């Protein structure tokens, strides 16, 4: 029961989940509302 390794693994898990969510939203935006995203980022 190493507390430091547990916190580290939790932080890594959070980072990975955040990354996956961003990638998923990126692909969803590209597929379904590409024009809207392009115009909103201009």
PDB file of N, CA and C in Angstrom:
ATOM      1  N   UNK A   1       0.845  -1.201   0.000  1.00  0.00           N
ATOM      2  CA  UNK A   1       0.000   0.000   0.000  1.00  0.00           C
ATOM      3  C   UNK A   1       0.882   1.253   0.000  1.00  0.00           C
ATOM      4  N   UNK A   2       1.417   1.570  -1.154  1.00  0.00           N
ATOM      5  CA  UNK A   2       2.259   2.757  -1.239  1.00  0.00           C
ATOM      6  C   UNK A   2       1.390   3.947  -1.634  1.00  0.00           C
ATOM      7  N   UNK A   3       1.313   4.926  -0.735  1.00  0.00           N
ATOM      8  CA  UNK A   3       0.415   6.060  -0.960  1.00  0.00           C
ATOM      9  C   UNK A   3       0.874   6.904  -2.145  1.00  0.00           C
ATOM     10  N   UNK A   4       2.194   7.115  -2.255  1.00  0.00           N
ATOM     11  CA  UNK A   4       2.725   7.945  -3.343  1.00  0.00           C
ATOM     12  C   UNK A   4       2.434   7.320  -4.702  1.00  0.00           C
ATOM     13  N   UNK A   5       2.657   6.049  -4.824  1.00  0.00           N
ATOM     14  CA  UNK A   5       2.416   5.391  -6.108  1.00  0.00           C
ATOM     15  C   UNK A   5       0.923   5.396  -6.442  1.00  0.00           C
ATOM     16  N   UNK A   6       0.103   5.307  -5.411  1.00  0.00           N
ATOM     17  CA  UNK A   6      -1.346   5.346  -5.632  1.00  0.00           C
ATOM     18  C   UNK A   6      -1.766   6.719  -6.167  1.00  0.00           C
ATOM     19  N   UNK A   7      -1.249   7.790  -5.573  1.00  0.00           N
ATOM     20  CA  UNK A   7      -1.557   9.148  -6.042  1.00  0.00           C
ATOM     21  C   UNK A   7      -1.022   9.350  -7.456  1.00  0.00           C
ATOM     22  N   UNK A   8       0.189   8.854  -7.690  1.00  0.00           N
ATOM     23  CA  UNK A   8       0.783   9.003  -9.024  1.00  0.00           C
ATOM     24  C   UNK A   8      -0.055   8.289 -10.074  1.00  0.00           C
ATOM     25  N   UNK A   9      -0.488   7.082  -9.772  1.00  0.00           N
ATOM     26  CA  UNK A   9      -1.308   6.333 -10.727  1.00  0.00           C
ATOM     27  C   UNK A   9      -2.648   7.030 -10.961  1.00  0.00           C
ATOM     28  N   UNK A  10      -3.197   7.629  -9.924  1.00  0.00           N
ATOM     29  CA  UNK A  10      -4.452   8.358 -10.080  1.00  0.00           C
ATOM     30  C   UNK A  10      -4.268   9.578 -10.981  1.00  0.00           C
ATOM     31  N   UNK A  11      -3.161  10.296 -10.795  1.00  0.00           N
ATOM     32  CA  UNK A  11      -2.885  11.467 -11.632  1.00  0.00           C
ATOM     33  C   UNK A  11      -2.697  11.061 -13.086  1.00  0.00           C
ATOM     34  N   UNK A  12      -1.968   9.965 -13.291  1.00  0.00           N
ATOM     35  CA  UNK A  12      -1.777   9.474 -14.657  1.00  0.00           C
ATOM     36  C   UNK A  12      -3.118   9.067 -15.261  1.00  0.00           C
ATOM     37  N   UNK A  13      -3.944   8.418 -14.477  1.00  0.00           N
ATOM     38  CA  UNK A  13      -5.269   8.020 -14.955  1.00  0.00           C
ATOM     39  C   UNK A  13      -6.090   9.252 -15.358  1.00  0.00           C
ATOM     40  N   UNK A  14      -6.055  10.297 -14.538  1.00  0.00           N
ATOM     41  CA  UNK A  14      -6.779  11.530 -14.851  1.00  0.00           C
ATOM     42  C   UNK A  14      -6.268  12.150 -16.148  1.00  0.00           C
ATOM     43  N   UNK A  15      -4.958  12.176 -16.313  1.00  0.00           N
ATOM     44  CA  UNK A  15      -4.374  12.745 -17.527  1.00  0.00           C
ATOM     45  C   UNK A  15      -4.796  11.956 -18.761  1.00  0.00           C
ATOM     46  N   UNK A  16      -4.751  10.646 -18.642  1.00  0.00           N
ATOM     47  CA  UNK A  16      -5.132   9.792 -19.778  1.00  0.00           C
ATOM     48  C   UNK A  16      -6.606   9.988 -20.126  1.00  0.00           C
ATOM     49  N   UNK A  17      -7.450  10.035 -19.116  1.00  0.00           N
ATOM     50  CA  UNK A  17      -8.870  10.233 -19.374  1.00  0.00           C
ATOM     51  C   UNK A  17      -9.130  11.598 -20.011  1.00  0.00           C
ATOM     52  N   UNK A  18      -8.459  12.621 -19.534  1.00  0.00           N
ATOM     53  CA  UNK A  18      -8.604  13.955 -20.108  1.00  0.00           C
ATOM     54  C   UNK A  18      -8.169  13.962 -21.570  1.00  0.00           C
ATOM     55  N   UNK A  19      -7.047  13.299 -21.841  1.00  0.00           N
ATOM     56  CA  UNK A  19      -6.537  13.213 -23.205  1.00  0.00           C
ATOM     57  C   UNK A  19      -7.522  12.489 -24.110  1.00  0.00           C
ATOM     58  N   UNK A  20      -8.060  11.370 -23.640  1.00  0.00           N
ATOM     59  CA  UNK A  20      -9.006  10.578 -24.434  1.00  0.00           C
ATOM     60  C   UNK A  20     -10.274  11.390 -24.715  1.00  0.00           C
ATOM     61  N   UNK A  21     -10.749  12.104 -23.711  1.00  0.00           N
ATOM     62  CA  UNK A  21     -11.966  12.907 -23.897  1.00  0.00           C
ATOM     63  C   UNK A  21     -11.730  14.010 -24.926  1.00  0.00           C
ATOM     64  N   UNK A  22     -10.561  14.648 -24.853  1.00  0.00           N
ATOM     65  CA  UNK A  22     -10.257  15.694 -25.830  1.00  0.00           C
ATOM     66  C   UNK A  22     -10.167  15.125 -27.245  1.00  0.00           C
ATOM     67  N   UNK A  23      -9.530  13.968 -27.372  1.00  0.00           N
ATOM     68  CA  UNK A  23      -9.412  13.337 -28.691  1.00  0.00           C
ATOM     69  C   UNK A  23     -10.797  12.956 -29.220  1.00  0.00           C
ATOM     70  N   UNK A  24     -11.643  12.410 -28.355  1.00  0.00           N
ATOM     71  CA  UNK A  24     -12.988  12.019 -28.778  1.00  0.00           C
ATOM     72  C   UNK A  24     -13.786  13.233 -29.240  1.00  0.00           C
ATOM     73  N   UNK A  25     -13.729  14.317 -28.476  1.00  0.00           N
ATOM     74  CA  UNK A  25     -14.460  15.514 -28.866  1.00  0.00           C
ATOM     75  C   UNK A  25     -13.904  16.098 -30.159  1.00  0.00           C
ATOM     76  N   UNK A  26     -12.579  15.980 -30.329  1.00  0.00           N
ATOM     77  CA  UNK A  26     -11.960  16.475 -31.561  1.00  0.00           C
ATOM     78  C   UNK A  26     -12.504  15.722 -32.772  1.00  0.00           C
ATOM     79  N   UNK A  27     -12.571  14.392 -32.666  1.00  0.00           N
ATOM     80  CA  UNK A  27     -13.066  13.597 -33.785  1.00  0.00           C
ATOM     81  C   UNK A  27     -14.556  13.827 -34.016  1.00  0.00           C
ATOM     82  N   UNK A  28     -15.310  13.969 -32.947  1.00  0.00           N
ATOM     83  CA  UNK A  28     -16.748  14.224 -33.090  1.00  0.00           C
ATOM     84  C   UNK A  28     -16.969  15.558 -33.791  1.00  0.00           C
ATOM     85  N   UNK A  29     -16.217  16.576 -33.379  1.00  0.00           N
ATOM     86  CA  UNK A  29     -16.336  17.885 -34.020  1.00  0.00           C
ATOM     87  C   UNK A  29     -15.956  17.801 -35.488  1.00  0.00           C
ATOM     88  N   UNK A  30     -14.888  17.080 -35.788  1.00  0.00           N
ATOM     89  CA  UNK A  30     -14.457  16.969 -37.178  1.00  0.00           C
ATOM     90  C   UNK A  30     -15.498  16.248 -38.027  1.00  0.00           C
ATOM     91  N   UNK A  31     -16.153  15.246 -37.453  1.00  0.00           N
ATOM     92  CA  UNK A  31     -17.076  14.445 -38.238  1.00  0.00           C
ATOM     93  C   UNK A  31     -18.436  15.129 -38.403  1.00  0.00           C
ATOM     94  N   UNK A  32     -18.940  15.731 -37.333  1.00  0.00           N
ATOM     95  CA  UNK A  32     -20.341  16.156 -37.357  1.00  0.00           C
ATOM     96  C   UNK A  32     -20.537  17.645 -37.596  1.00  0.00           C
ATOM     97  N   UNK A  33     -19.602  18.459 -37.132  1.00  0.00           N
ATOM     98  CA  UNK A  33     -19.811  19.900 -37.331  1.00  0.00           C
ATOM     99  C   UNK A  33     -18.495  20.565 -37.695  1.00  0.00           C
ATOM    100  N   UNK A  34     -17.890  20.080 -38.772  1.00  0.00           N
ATOM    101  CA  UNK A  34     -16.598  20.594 -39.206  1.00  0.00           C
ATOM    102  C   UNK A  34     -16.689  22.089 -39.536  1.00  0.00           C
ATOM    103  N   UNK A  35     -17.694  22.487 -40.286  1.00  0.00           N
ATOM    104  CA  UNK A  35     -17.798  23.890 -40.683  1.00  0.00           C
ATOM    105  C   UNK A  35     -18.001  24.783 -39.469  1.00  0.00           C
ATOM    106  N   UNK A  36     -18.837  24.345 -38.564  1.00  0.00           N
ATOM    107  CA  UNK A  36     -19.100  25.137 -37.364  1.00  0.00           C
ATOM    108  C   UNK A  36     -17.821  25.321 -36.559  1.00  0.00           C
ATOM    109  N   UNK A  37     -17.041  24.246 -36.413  1.00  0.00           N
ATOM    110  CA  UNK A  37     -15.793  24.326 -35.653  1.00  0.00           C
ATOM    111  C   UNK A  37     -14.802  25.245 -36.348  1.00  0.00           C
ATOM    112  N   UNK A  38     -14.689  25.129 -37.665  1.00  0.00           N
ATOM    113  CA  UNK A  38     -13.755  25.974 -38.412  1.00  0.00           C
ATOM    114  C   UNK A  38     -14.146  27.440 -38.242  1.00  0.00           C
ATOM    115  N   UNK A  39     -15.412  27.754 -38.367  1.00  0.00           N
ATOM    116  CA  UNK A  39     -15.855  29.139 -38.250  1.00  0.00           C
ATOM    117  C   UNK A  39     -15.688  29.662 -36.826  1.00  0.00           C
ATOM    118  N   UNK A  40     -15.905  28.795 -35.839  1.00  0.00           N
ATOM    119  CA  UNK A  40     -15.797  29.251 -34.455  1.00  0.00           C
ATOM    120  C   UNK A  40     -14.349  29.473 -34.055  1.00  0.00           C
ATOM    121  N   UNK A  41     -13.402  28.836 -34.774  1.00  0.00           N
ATOM    122  CA  UNK A  41     -11.996  29.009 -34.431  1.00  0.00           C
ATOM    123  C   UNK A  41     -11.315  30.074 -35.274  1.00  0.00           C
ATOM    124  N   UNK A  42     -12.042  30.659 -36.215  1.00  0.00           N
ATOM    125  CA  UNK A  42     -11.450  31.724 -37.031  1.00  0.00           C
ATOM    126  C   UNK A  42     -11.271  33.003 -36.231  1.00  0.00           C
TER     127      UNK A  42
END
